[in-house]
Amino acid sequence: MRRHRGRNLILACVLTLAAAPALAGTHPPDRKGFMIGFGLGGGSAALKDGGDREGGVTGNLRIGYALRPDLVLHYEGAAWMKTFNQPIGDVTWSFSTNAVALTYYPPATGLFVRSGIGFGTARIQLKTGGVTVSDDETGFGFLMAAGWEFRLTQKFALAPQMEYAYQTLDLLESSNFFDFGLGFNWYW
């Protein structure tokens, strides 16, 4: 079942990359003023001292302002999550990074690169019976991403991307996640 989800995500990204160039040239980029975007995908996460990586779902949110057509200043929140069914109950791990970020779009291409710094959080939650217990740690965080933005209308673009996020933590030392996702961006 897990293999099918991963294959389906990769297939969706490949189809988007294959189909979008035909549409991308019909609407030139118009990055002015306010922007909002979100993305969904999948990736793997690990603790520094844990070694093994685990696959899970990812998501991100961007809200910001285009300073120039090739530069957007924004808030970015990126997260990874997975629930494990254990004999004691459901255990959910999540890692997130919240950052002030810049996205740069080299002229005459759909390419973008993004980087941001802020804070990162690791959270563990146990649900057993009717009781939920959770704990989290927060520390420094940063993220980086690269992808391609395909303009489908004057104000809307699809953006397949790869993203890496890192969190430094007290007890867990550090965590990180890497993902592939599809972003949906609007500019006004």
Protein backbone atom coordinates (compact mmCIF):
# COMPACT_ATOMS: atom_id res chain seq x y z
CA MET A 1 0.00 0.00 0.00
CA ARG A 2 2.81 2.46 0.88
CA ARG A 3 4.57 1.74 -2.40
CA HIS A 4 1.41 2.64 -4.33
CA ARG A 5 1.09 6.01 -2.57
CA GLY A 6 4.72 6.87 -3.32
CA ARG A 7 4.36 5.74 -6.91
CA ASN A 8 1.15 7.76 -7.30
CA LEU A 9 2.83 10.91 -5.93
CA ILE A 10 5.77 10.49 -8.31
CA LEU A 11 3.40 9.84 -11.22
CA ALA A 12 1.38 12.98 -10.38
CA CYS A 13 4.57 15.08 -10.30
CA VAL A 14 5.79 13.62 -13.63
CA LEU A 15 2.42 14.22 -15.31
CA THR A 16 2.35 17.79 -14.00
CA LEU A 17 5.87 18.40 -15.30
CA ALA A 18 4.98 16.87 -18.67
CA ALA A 19 1.67 18.69 -19.20
CA ALA A 20 2.38 22.11 -17.76
CA PRO A 21 4.99 23.42 -20.27
CA ALA A 22 2.34 23.58 -22.98
CA LEU A 23 0.24 25.81 -20.72
CA ALA A 24 3.08 27.69 -19.02
CA GLY A 25 3.89 29.94 -21.97
CA THR A 26 0.35 31.25 -22.30
CA HIS A 27 0.48 33.39 -19.16
CA PRO A 28 3.64 35.37 -18.35
CA PRO A 29 4.52 35.69 -14.64
CA ASP A 30 2.78 38.53 -12.86
CA ARG A 31 4.27 38.60 -9.37
CA LYS A 32 3.14 41.86 -7.81
CA GLY A 33 1.89 42.53 -4.34
CA PHE A 34 0.24 39.93 -2.13
CA MET A 35 0.75 36.18 -2.60
CA ILE A 36 -0.55 33.05 -0.92
CA GLY A 37 0.33 29.43 -1.57
CA PHE A 38 0.18 25.98 -0.10
CA GLY A 39 1.59 22.60 -0.99
CA LEU A 40 1.02 18.92 -0.28
CA GLY A 41 3.34 15.99 -0.73
CA GLY A 42 5.28 13.21 0.88
CA GLY A 43 8.74 12.72 2.24
CA SER A 44 10.94 11.24 4.90
CA ALA A 45 12.03 12.46 8.32
CA ALA A 46 14.61 11.41 10.88
CA LEU A 47 16.05 12.30 14.25
CA LYS A 48 19.80 12.94 14.30
CA ASP A 49 20.45 10.14 16.77
CA GLY A 50 17.65 7.86 15.45
CA GLY A 51 19.26 6.92 12.14
CA ASP A 52 16.26 5.39 10.33
CA ARG A 53 14.12 7.62 8.12
CA GLU A 54 10.33 7.29 8.12
CA GLY A 55 7.98 8.21 5.28
CA GLY A 56 5.05 10.50 5.98
CA VAL A 57 2.82 13.25 4.60
CA THR A 58 4.01 16.82 4.23
CA GLY A 59 2.44 20.20 3.74
CA ASN A 60 3.43 23.84 3.61
CA LEU A 61 1.85 27.29 3.63
CA ARG A 62 3.22 30.58 2.27
CA ILE A 63 1.86 34.08 2.76
CA GLY A 64 3.83 37.09 1.63
CA TYR A 65 4.50 39.99 -0.68
CA ALA A 66 6.30 40.18 -4.03
CA LEU A 67 8.94 42.86 -3.56
CA ARG A 68 9.84 42.56 -7.24
CA PRO A 69 8.64 40.19 -9.99
CA ASP A 70 11.64 37.94 -9.22
CA LEU A 71 11.68 38.17 -5.38
CA VAL A 72 8.99 37.30 -2.81
CA LEU A 73 9.34 37.87 0.95
CA HIS A 74 7.03 35.59 2.92
CA TYR A 75 6.22 33.50 5.95
CA GLU A 76 6.60 29.79 5.27
CA GLY A 77 5.40 26.97 7.45
CA ALA A 78 6.43 23.45 6.45
CA ALA A 79 5.52 20.23 8.28
CA TRP A 80 5.93 16.44 8.17
CA MET A 81 3.65 14.01 10.06
CA LYS A 82 3.17 10.29 10.57
CA THR A 83 0.95 8.20 12.89
CA PHE A 84 2.11 4.81 14.12
CA ASN A 85 -0.43 2.27 15.42
CA GLN A 86 1.17 0.83 18.56
CA PRO A 87 -0.21 -1.63 21.15
CA ILE A 88 -0.49 1.23 23.68
CA GLY A 89 -2.38 3.49 21.22
CA ASP A 90 -1.78 5.77 18.23
CA VAL A 91 1.53 7.65 18.36
CA THR A 92 1.86 10.67 16.06
CA TRP A 93 5.20 12.29 15.32
CA SER A 94 5.34 15.69 13.62
CA PHE A 95 8.17 18.02 12.69
CA SER A 96 7.65 21.58 11.52
CA THR A 97 9.61 24.68 10.60
CA ASN A 98 8.18 28.21 10.63
CA ALA A 99 10.37 30.73 8.88
CA VAL A 100 10.74 34.15 7.34
CA ALA A 101 11.76 33.24 3.80
CA LEU A 102 12.76 34.65 0.43
CA THR A 103 11.88 33.02 -2.88
CA TYR A 104 13.95 34.03 -5.89
CA TYR A 105 12.76 33.45 -9.49
CA PRO A 106 15.62 33.82 -12.01
CA PRO A 107 14.39 35.93 -14.95
CA ALA A 108 12.94 34.24 -18.05
CA THR A 109 12.51 30.84 -16.37
CA GLY A 110 9.99 29.11 -14.14
CA LEU A 111 12.76 28.00 -11.76
CA PHE A 112 12.66 29.14 -8.13
CA VAL A 113 14.87 28.74 -5.08
CA ARG A 114 13.72 29.42 -1.53
CA SER A 115 15.43 29.74 1.82
CA GLY A 116 14.24 30.79 5.25
CA ILE A 117 15.18 30.86 8.93
CA GLY A 118 13.02 30.76 12.02
CA PHE A 119 12.09 28.11 14.55
CA GLY A 120 11.51 24.38 14.37
CA THR A 121 9.34 22.09 16.46
CA ALA A 122 9.18 18.35 17.08
CA ARG A 123 6.01 16.97 18.64
CA ILE A 124 4.94 13.54 19.83
CA GLN A 125 1.33 12.74 20.70
CA LEU A 126 -0.12 9.56 22.19
CA LYS A 127 -3.84 8.77 21.94
CA THR A 128 -4.95 5.82 24.03
CA GLY A 129 -8.58 5.22 24.93
CA GLY A 130 -10.07 8.64 25.57
CA VAL A 131 -6.79 10.18 26.75
CA THR A 132 -4.37 12.26 24.66
CA VAL A 133 -0.89 13.15 25.93
CA SER A 134 1.62 15.22 23.98
CA ASP A 135 5.01 16.84 24.32
CA ASP A 136 6.99 19.10 22.04
CA GLU A 137 10.36 20.80 21.76
CA THR A 138 11.12 24.01 19.92
CA GLY A 139 14.45 25.38 18.71
CA PHE A 140 16.14 26.94 15.70
CA GLY A 141 14.89 25.92 12.26
CA PHE A 142 15.66 26.59 8.63
CA LEU A 143 14.35 25.42 5.28
CA MET A 144 15.42 25.35 1.65
CA ALA A 145 13.44 24.51 -1.46
CA ALA A 146 13.79 24.47 -5.23
CA GLY A 147 11.27 23.83 -7.94
CA TRP A 148 9.59 25.03 -11.08
CA GLU A 149 6.55 27.31 -11.27
CA PHE A 150 4.16 26.67 -14.16
CA ARG A 151 1.91 29.68 -14.73
CA LEU A 152 -1.56 28.39 -15.64
CA THR A 153 -3.43 31.72 -15.46
CA GLN A 154 -2.29 35.31 -14.98
CA LYS A 155 -2.58 34.95 -11.19
CA PHE A 156 -2.30 31.17 -10.52
CA ALA A 157 0.63 28.73 -10.82
CA LEU A 158 1.39 25.08 -10.06
CA ALA A 159 4.80 24.52 -8.53
CA PRO A 160 6.36 21.05 -8.10
CA GLN A 161 9.17 21.35 -5.56
CA MET A 162 11.71 19.60 -3.36
CA GLU A 163 12.11 20.92 0.17
CA TYR A 164 14.46 20.30 3.08
CA ALA A 165 13.73 21.48 6.63
CA TYR A 166 15.94 21.20 9.72
CA GLN A 167 15.16 21.72 13.41
CA THR A 168 17.63 21.91 16.34
CA LEU A 169 16.13 20.64 19.57
CA ASP A 170 17.21 20.18 23.19
CA LEU A 171 16.63 16.53 24.13
CA LEU A 172 16.32 15.08 20.63
CA GLU A 173 19.36 17.05 19.38
CA SER A 174 17.93 17.63 15.90
CA SER A 175 15.41 16.47 13.33
CA ASN A 176 14.96 17.03 9.62
CA PHE A 177 12.65 16.17 6.78
CA PHE A 178 12.93 16.09 3.02
CA ASP A 179 9.94 16.07 0.72
CA PHE A 180 8.59 16.27 -2.80
CA GLY A 181 5.36 18.17 -3.18
CA LEU A 182 3.08 20.13 -5.44
CA GLY A 183 2.46 23.79 -4.62
CA PHE A 184 -0.51 25.96 -5.54
CA ASN A 185 0.34 29.70 -5.70
CA TRP A 186 -1.79 32.82 -6.22
CA TYR A 187 -0.54 36.39 -6.81
CA TRP A 188 -2.54 39.66 -6.61
